[in-house]
Amino acid sequence: MSKLTWLIIFSVMMFLFGCTSGLPTKADPLVDMEISRAIFEMPQDEEQRKELPLGVFTGIEVGDSRLTLEE
């Protein structure tokens, strides 16, 4: 028998006996991965933030990401 015939026979056997047994038929639910909003407390300083003048530091630091590649 030629190598191609053996390859075809081997492929069919793998498909029929090995590859299809024990495979899941339905996806697992992703309920455990959900993040509940009740876990996190929302900030209570929205009114104070609105009273700040424009350009005041709010905690966000902006940098040039190109510099990190050079480091």
PDB file of N, CA and C in Angstrom:
ATOM      1  N   MET A   1       0.841  -1.188   0.000  1.00  0.00           N
ATOM      2  CA  MET A   1       0.000   0.000   0.000  1.00  0.00           C
ATOM      3  C   MET A   1       0.880   1.243   0.000  1.00  0.00           C
ATOM      4  N   SER A   2       0.356   2.266  -0.613  1.00  0.00           N
ATOM      5  CA  SER A   2       1.140   3.498  -0.700  1.00  0.00           C
ATOM      6  C   SER A   2       1.003   4.313   0.592  1.00  0.00           C
ATOM      7  N   LYS A   3       1.883   5.282   0.743  1.00  0.00           N
ATOM      8  CA  LYS A   3       1.853   6.134   1.930  1.00  0.00           C
ATOM      9  C   LYS A   3       0.551   6.923   2.015  1.00  0.00           C
ATOM     10  N   LEU A   4       0.017   7.320   0.881  1.00  0.00           N
ATOM     11  CA  LEU A   4      -1.231   8.073   0.870  1.00  0.00           C
ATOM     12  C   LEU A   4      -2.381   7.225   1.400  1.00  0.00           C
ATOM     13  N   THR A   5      -2.427   5.954   1.029  1.00  0.00           N
ATOM     14  CA  THR A   5      -3.477   5.055   1.511  1.00  0.00           C
ATOM     15  C   THR A   5      -3.388   4.905   3.023  1.00  0.00           C
ATOM     16  N   TRP A   6      -2.170   4.706   3.558  1.00  0.00           N
ATOM     17  CA  TRP A   6      -1.996   4.568   5.006  1.00  0.00           C
ATOM     18  C   TRP A   6      -2.395   5.867   5.721  1.00  0.00           C
ATOM     19  N   LEU A   7      -2.078   6.995   5.127  1.00  0.00           N
ATOM     20  CA  LEU A   7      -2.436   8.274   5.715  1.00  0.00           C
ATOM     21  C   LEU A   7      -3.945   8.443   5.766  1.00  0.00           C
ATOM     22  N   ILE A   8      -4.629   8.056   4.723  1.00  0.00           N
ATOM     23  CA  ILE A   8      -6.085   8.156   4.689  1.00  0.00           C
ATOM     24  C   ILE A   8      -6.707   7.230   5.722  1.00  0.00           C
ATOM     25  N   ILE A   9      -6.224   5.998   5.802  1.00  0.00           N
ATOM     26  CA  ILE A   9      -6.745   5.031   6.778  1.00  0.00           C
ATOM     27  C   ILE A   9      -6.514   5.545   8.207  1.00  0.00           C
ATOM     28  N   PHE A  10      -5.310   6.046   8.472  1.00  0.00           N
ATOM     29  CA  PHE A  10      -4.984   6.568   9.793  1.00  0.00           C
ATOM     30  C   PHE A  10      -5.879   7.762  10.141  1.00  0.00           C
ATOM     31  N   SER A  11      -6.094   8.649   9.182  1.00  0.00           N
ATOM     32  CA  SER A  11      -6.931   9.828   9.419  1.00  0.00           C
ATOM     33  C   SER A  11      -8.374   9.432   9.725  1.00  0.00           C
ATOM     34  N   VAL A  12      -8.902   8.476   8.990  1.00  0.00           N
ATOM     35  CA  VAL A  12     -10.277   8.013   9.224  1.00  0.00           C
ATOM     36  C   VAL A  12     -10.387   7.361  10.600  1.00  0.00           C
ATOM     37  N   MET A  13      -9.392   6.565  10.974  1.00  0.00           N
ATOM     38  CA  MET A  13      -9.431   5.917  12.294  1.00  0.00           C
ATOM     39  C   MET A  13      -9.359   6.962  13.410  1.00  0.00           C
ATOM     40  N   MET A  14      -8.518   7.978  13.243  1.00  0.00           N
ATOM     41  CA  MET A  14      -8.423   9.020  14.257  1.00  0.00           C
ATOM     42  C   MET A  14      -9.738   9.770  14.383  1.00  0.00           C
ATOM     43  N   PHE A  15     -10.371  10.018  13.254  1.00  0.00           N
ATOM     44  CA  PHE A  15     -11.642  10.727  13.285  1.00  0.00           C
ATOM     45  C   PHE A  15     -12.726   9.897  13.952  1.00  0.00           C
ATOM     46  N   LEU A  16     -12.799   8.618  13.611  1.00  0.00           N
ATOM     47  CA  LEU A  16     -13.874   7.779  14.129  1.00  0.00           C
ATOM     48  C   LEU A  16     -13.675   7.386  15.590  1.00  0.00           C
ATOM     49  N   PHE A  17     -12.453   7.117  16.003  1.00  0.00           N
ATOM     50  CA  PHE A  17     -12.237   6.550  17.331  1.00  0.00           C
ATOM     51  C   PHE A  17     -11.640   7.536  18.336  1.00  0.00           C
ATOM     52  N   GLY A  18     -10.785   8.408  17.896  1.00  0.00           N
ATOM     53  CA  GLY A  18     -10.068   9.228  18.858  1.00  0.00           C
ATOM     54  C   GLY A  18     -10.569  10.641  18.997  1.00  0.00           C
ATOM     55  N   CYS A  19     -10.832  11.272  17.915  1.00  0.00           N
ATOM     56  CA  CYS A  19     -11.096  12.707  17.960  1.00  0.00           C
ATOM     57  C   CYS A  19     -12.510  13.050  18.396  1.00  0.00           C
ATOM     58  N   THR A  20     -13.469  12.186  18.188  1.00  0.00           N
ATOM     59  CA  THR A  20     -14.852  12.539  18.478  1.00  0.00           C
ATOM     60  C   THR A  20     -15.307  12.083  19.850  1.00  0.00           C
ATOM     61  N   SER A  21     -14.540  11.256  20.531  1.00  0.00           N
ATOM     62  CA  SER A  21     -15.002  10.772  21.828  1.00  0.00           C
ATOM     63  C   SER A  21     -14.649  11.759  22.929  1.00  0.00           C
ATOM     64  N   GLY A  22     -15.607  12.064  23.771  1.00  0.00           N
ATOM     65  CA  GLY A  22     -15.370  12.902  24.922  1.00  0.00           C
ATOM     66  C   GLY A  22     -15.349  14.394  24.658  1.00  0.00           C
ATOM     67  N   LEU A  23     -15.692  14.829  23.475  1.00  0.00           N
ATOM     68  CA  LEU A  23     -15.718  16.253  23.200  1.00  0.00           C
ATOM     69  C   LEU A  23     -16.988  16.865  23.792  1.00  0.00           C
ATOM     70  N   PRO A  24     -16.901  18.066  24.339  1.00  0.00           N
ATOM     71  CA  PRO A  24     -18.108  18.692  24.890  1.00  0.00           C
ATOM     72  C   PRO A  24     -19.099  19.024  23.785  1.00  0.00           C
ATOM     73  N   THR A  25     -20.356  18.888  24.099  1.00  0.00           N
ATOM     74  CA  THR A  25     -21.393  19.175  23.109  1.00  0.00           C
ATOM     75  C   THR A  25     -22.018  20.540  23.314  1.00  0.00           C
ATOM     76  N   LYS A  26     -21.791  21.154  24.497  1.00  0.00           N
ATOM     77  CA  LYS A  26     -22.341  22.484  24.736  1.00  0.00           C
ATOM     78  C   LYS A  26     -21.381  23.276  25.607  1.00  0.00           C
ATOM     79  N   ALA A  27     -21.338  24.567  25.409  1.00  0.00           N
ATOM     80  CA  ALA A  27     -20.403  25.429  26.124  1.00  0.00           C
ATOM     81  C   ALA A  27     -20.814  25.593  27.585  1.00  0.00           C
ATOM     82  N   ASP A  28     -19.821  25.768  28.442  1.00  0.00           N
ATOM     83  CA  ASP A  28     -20.090  26.024  29.845  1.00  0.00           C
ATOM     84  C   ASP A  28     -20.658  27.422  30.018  1.00  0.00           C
ATOM     85  N   PRO A  29     -21.547  27.600  30.982  1.00  0.00           N
ATOM     86  CA  PRO A  29     -22.073  28.943  31.222  1.00  0.00           C
ATOM     87  C   PRO A  29     -20.994  29.854  31.805  1.00  0.00           C
ATOM     88  N   LEU A  30     -21.068  31.115  31.474  1.00  0.00           N
ATOM     89  CA  LEU A  30     -20.072  32.074  31.928  1.00  0.00           C
ATOM     90  C   LEU A  30     -20.582  32.909  33.107  1.00  0.00           C
ATOM     91  N   VAL A  31     -21.490  32.350  33.887  1.00  0.00           N
ATOM     92  CA  VAL A  31     -22.082  33.082  34.998  1.00  0.00           C
ATOM     93  C   VAL A  31     -21.023  33.451  36.030  1.00  0.00           C
ATOM     94  N   ASP A  32     -20.059  32.575  36.270  1.00  0.00           N
ATOM     95  CA  ASP A  32     -19.035  32.847  37.271  1.00  0.00           C
ATOM     96  C   ASP A  32     -18.141  34.012  36.874  1.00  0.00           C
ATOM     97  N   MET A  33     -18.101  34.354  35.609  1.00  0.00           N
ATOM     98  CA  MET A  33     -17.221  35.415  35.152  1.00  0.00           C
ATOM     99  C   MET A  33     -17.882  36.790  35.209  1.00  0.00           C
ATOM    100  N   GLU A  34     -19.178  36.851  35.491  1.00  0.00           N
ATOM    101  CA  GLU A  34     -19.862  38.138  35.540  1.00  0.00           C
ATOM    102  C   GLU A  34     -19.418  38.926  36.756  1.00  0.00           C
ATOM    103  N   ILE A  35     -19.293  40.227  36.595  1.00  0.00           N
ATOM    104  CA  ILE A  35     -18.908  41.105  37.687  1.00  0.00           C
ATOM    105  C   ILE A  35     -20.150  41.860  38.148  1.00  0.00           C
ATOM    106  N   SER A  36     -20.489  41.689  39.392  1.00  0.00           N
ATOM    107  CA  SER A  36     -21.667  42.343  39.933  1.00  0.00           C
ATOM    108  C   SER A  36     -21.329  43.779  40.317  1.00  0.00           C
ATOM    109  N   ARG A  37     -22.207  44.712  39.994  1.00  0.00           N
ATOM    110  CA  ARG A  37     -21.992  46.105  40.372  1.00  0.00           C
ATOM    111  C   ARG A  37     -22.151  46.301  41.873  1.00  0.00           C
ATOM    112  N   ALA A  38     -22.832  45.373  42.535  1.00  0.00           N
ATOM    113  CA  ALA A  38     -23.025  45.497  43.980  1.00  0.00           C
ATOM    114  C   ALA A  38     -21.706  45.323  44.730  1.00  0.00           C
ATOM    115  N   ILE A  39     -20.727  44.669  44.124  1.00  0.00           N
ATOM    116  CA  ILE A  39     -19.439  44.445  44.778  1.00  0.00           C
ATOM    117  C   ILE A  39     -18.657  45.748  44.884  1.00  0.00           C
ATOM    118  N   PHE A  40     -18.760  46.594  43.875  1.00  0.00           N
ATOM    119  CA  PHE A  40     -17.973  47.812  43.811  1.00  0.00           C
ATOM    120  C   PHE A  40     -18.801  49.013  44.244  1.00  0.00           C
ATOM    121  N   GLU A  41     -18.203  49.856  45.048  1.00  0.00           N
ATOM    122  CA  GLU A  41     -18.885  51.082  45.451  1.00  0.00           C
ATOM    123  C   GLU A  41     -18.599  52.177  44.426  1.00  0.00           C
ATOM    124  N   MET A  42     -19.638  52.876  44.029  1.00  0.00           N
ATOM    125  CA  MET A  42     -19.474  53.972  43.089  1.00  0.00           C
ATOM    126  C   MET A  42     -18.968  55.195  43.853  1.00  0.00           C
ATOM    127  N   PRO A  43     -18.098  55.993  43.245  1.00  0.00           N
ATOM    128  CA  PRO A  43     -17.609  57.193  43.909  1.00  0.00           C
ATOM    129  C   PRO A  43     -18.758  58.165  44.212  1.00  0.00           C
ATOM    130  N   GLN A  44     -18.679  58.794  45.362  1.00  0.00           N
ATOM    131  CA  GLN A  44     -19.732  59.724  45.779  1.00  0.00           C
ATOM    132  C   GLN A  44     -19.288  61.177  45.630  1.00  0.00           C
ATOM    133  N   ASP A  45     -18.289  61.462  44.816  1.00  0.00           N
ATOM    134  CA  ASP A  45     -17.744  62.806  44.712  1.00  0.00           C
ATOM    135  C   ASP A  45     -18.051  63.485  43.375  1.00  0.00           C
ATOM    136  N   GLU A  46     -19.083  63.058  42.697  1.00  0.00           N
ATOM    137  CA  GLU A  46     -19.404  63.608  41.378  1.00  0.00           C
ATOM    138  C   GLU A  46     -19.703  65.107  41.448  1.00  0.00           C
ATOM    139  N   GLU A  47     -20.467  65.533  42.448  1.00  0.00           N
ATOM    140  CA  GLU A  47     -20.809  66.950  42.573  1.00  0.00           C
ATOM    141  C   GLU A  47     -19.560  67.781  42.856  1.00  0.00           C
ATOM    142  N   GLN A  48     -18.654  67.267  43.668  1.00  0.00           N
ATOM    143  CA  GLN A  48     -17.414  67.990  43.970  1.00  0.00           C
ATOM    144  C   GLN A  48     -16.535  68.093  42.720  1.00  0.00           C
ATOM    145  N   ARG A  49     -16.506  67.047  41.920  1.00  0.00           N
ATOM    146  CA  ARG A  49     -15.712  67.078  40.696  1.00  0.00           C
ATOM    147  C   ARG A  49     -16.237  68.114  39.719  1.00  0.00           C
ATOM    148  N   LYS A  50     -17.552  68.241  39.632  1.00  0.00           N
ATOM    149  CA  LYS A  50     -18.149  69.203  38.701  1.00  0.00           C
ATOM    150  C   LYS A  50     -17.825  70.638  39.098  1.00  0.00           C
ATOM    151  N   GLU A  51     -17.584  70.870  40.390  1.00  0.00           N
ATOM    152  CA  GLU A  51     -17.281  72.220  40.862  1.00  0.00           C
ATOM    153  C   GLU A  51     -15.830  72.617  40.616  1.00  0.00           C
ATOM    154  N   LEU A  52     -14.960  71.678  40.296  1.00  0.00           N
ATOM    155  CA  LEU A  52     -13.555  71.993  40.061  1.00  0.00           C
ATOM    156  C   LEU A  52     -13.400  72.808  38.780  1.00  0.00           C
ATOM    157  N   PRO A  53     -12.461  73.760  38.757  1.00  0.00           N
ATOM    158  CA  PRO A  53     -12.219  74.514  37.513  1.00  0.00           C
ATOM    159  C   PRO A  53     -11.602  73.602  36.451  1.00  0.00           C
ATOM    160  N   LEU A  54     -11.786  73.966  35.199  1.00  0.00           N
ATOM    161  CA  LEU A  54     -11.245  73.154  34.106  1.00  0.00           C
ATOM    162  C   LEU A  54      -9.725  73.095  34.182  1.00  0.00           C
ATOM    163  N   GLY A  55      -9.157  71.950  33.896  1.00  0.00           N
ATOM    164  CA  GLY A  55      -7.716  71.781  33.888  1.00  0.00           C
ATOM    165  C   GLY A  55      -7.128  71.360  35.219  1.00  0.00           C
ATOM    166  N   VAL A  56      -7.949  71.145  36.225  1.00  0.00           N
ATOM    167  CA  VAL A  56      -7.454  70.722  37.531  1.00  0.00           C
ATOM    168  C   VAL A  56      -7.119  69.239  37.479  1.00  0.00           C
ATOM    169  N   PHE A  57      -6.075  68.852  38.192  1.00  0.00           N
ATOM    170  CA  PHE A  57      -5.650  67.446  38.221  1.00  0.00           C
ATOM    171  C   PHE A  57      -6.744  66.581  38.824  1.00  0.00           C
ATOM    172  N   THR A  58      -7.150  65.550  38.100  1.00  0.00           N
ATOM    173  CA  THR A  58      -8.215  64.659  38.574  1.00  0.00           C
ATOM    174  C   THR A  58      -7.724  63.251  38.846  1.00  0.00           C
ATOM    175  N   GLY A  59      -6.413  63.020  38.771  1.00  0.00           N
ATOM    176  CA  GLY A  59      -5.891  61.691  39.050  1.00  0.00           C
ATOM    177  C   GLY A  59      -5.449  60.941  37.814  1.00  0.00           C
ATOM    178  N   ILE A  60      -5.712  61.480  36.643  1.00  0.00           N
ATOM    179  CA  ILE A  60      -5.313  60.808  35.412  1.00  0.00           C
ATOM    180  C   ILE A  60      -3.952  61.356  34.990  1.00  0.00           C
ATOM    181  N   GLU A  61      -2.992  60.478  34.846  1.00  0.00           N
ATOM    182  CA  GLU A  61      -1.666  60.878  34.400  1.00  0.00           C
ATOM    183  C   GLU A  61      -1.465  60.422  32.966  1.00  0.00           C
ATOM    184  N   VAL A  62      -1.196  61.341  32.080  1.00  0.00           N
ATOM    185  CA  VAL A  62      -1.033  61.038  30.661  1.00  0.00           C
ATOM    186  C   VAL A  62       0.444  61.114  30.325  1.00  0.00           C
ATOM    187  N   GLY A  63       0.923  60.115  29.619  1.00  0.00           N
ATOM    188  CA  GLY A  63       2.317  60.105  29.202  1.00  0.00           C
ATOM    189  C   GLY A  63       2.438  59.690  27.758  1.00  0.00           C
ATOM    190  N   ASP A  64       3.629  59.783  27.241  1.00  0.00           N
ATOM    191  CA  ASP A  64       3.897  59.400  25.861  1.00  0.00           C
ATOM    192  C   ASP A  64       4.275  57.922  25.841  1.00  0.00           C
ATOM    193  N   SER A  65       3.429  57.095  25.275  1.00  0.00           N
ATOM    194  CA  SER A  65       3.667  55.654  25.285  1.00  0.00           C
ATOM    195  C   SER A  65       4.863  55.251  24.426  1.00  0.00           C
ATOM    196  N   ARG A  66       5.292  56.116  23.528  1.00  0.00           N
ATOM    197  CA  ARG A  66       6.442  55.790  22.691  1.00  0.00           C
ATOM    198  C   ARG A  66       7.713  55.713  23.524  1.00  0.00           C
ATOM    199  N   LEU A  67       7.762  56.440  24.645  1.00  0.00           N
ATOM    200  CA  LEU A  67       8.943  56.428  25.488  1.00  0.00           C
ATOM    201  C   LEU A  67       9.144  55.075  26.170  1.00  0.00           C
ATOM    202  N   THR A  68       8.064  54.354  26.451  1.00  0.00           N
ATOM    203  CA  THR A  68       8.186  53.052  27.102  1.00  0.00           C
ATOM    204  C   THR A  68       8.849  52.040  26.179  1.00  0.00           C
ATOM    205  N   LEU A  69       8.678  52.200  24.887  1.00  0.00           N
ATOM    206  CA  LEU A  69       9.340  51.270  23.956  1.00  0.00           C
ATOM    207  C   LEU A  69      10.847  51.484  23.933  1.00  0.00           C
ATOM    208  N   GLU A  70      11.258  52.733  24.117  1.00  0.00           N
ATOM    209  CA  GLU A  70      12.682  53.031  24.111  1.00  0.00           C
ATOM    210  C   GLU A  70      13.365  52.563  25.387  1.00  0.00           C
ATOM    211  N   GLU A  71      12.627  52.532  26.495  1.00  0.00           N
ATOM    212  CA  GLU A  71      13.204  52.101  27.766  1.00  0.00           C
ATOM    213  C   GLU A  71      13.438  50.608  27.732  1.00  0.00           C
TER     214      GLU A  71
END
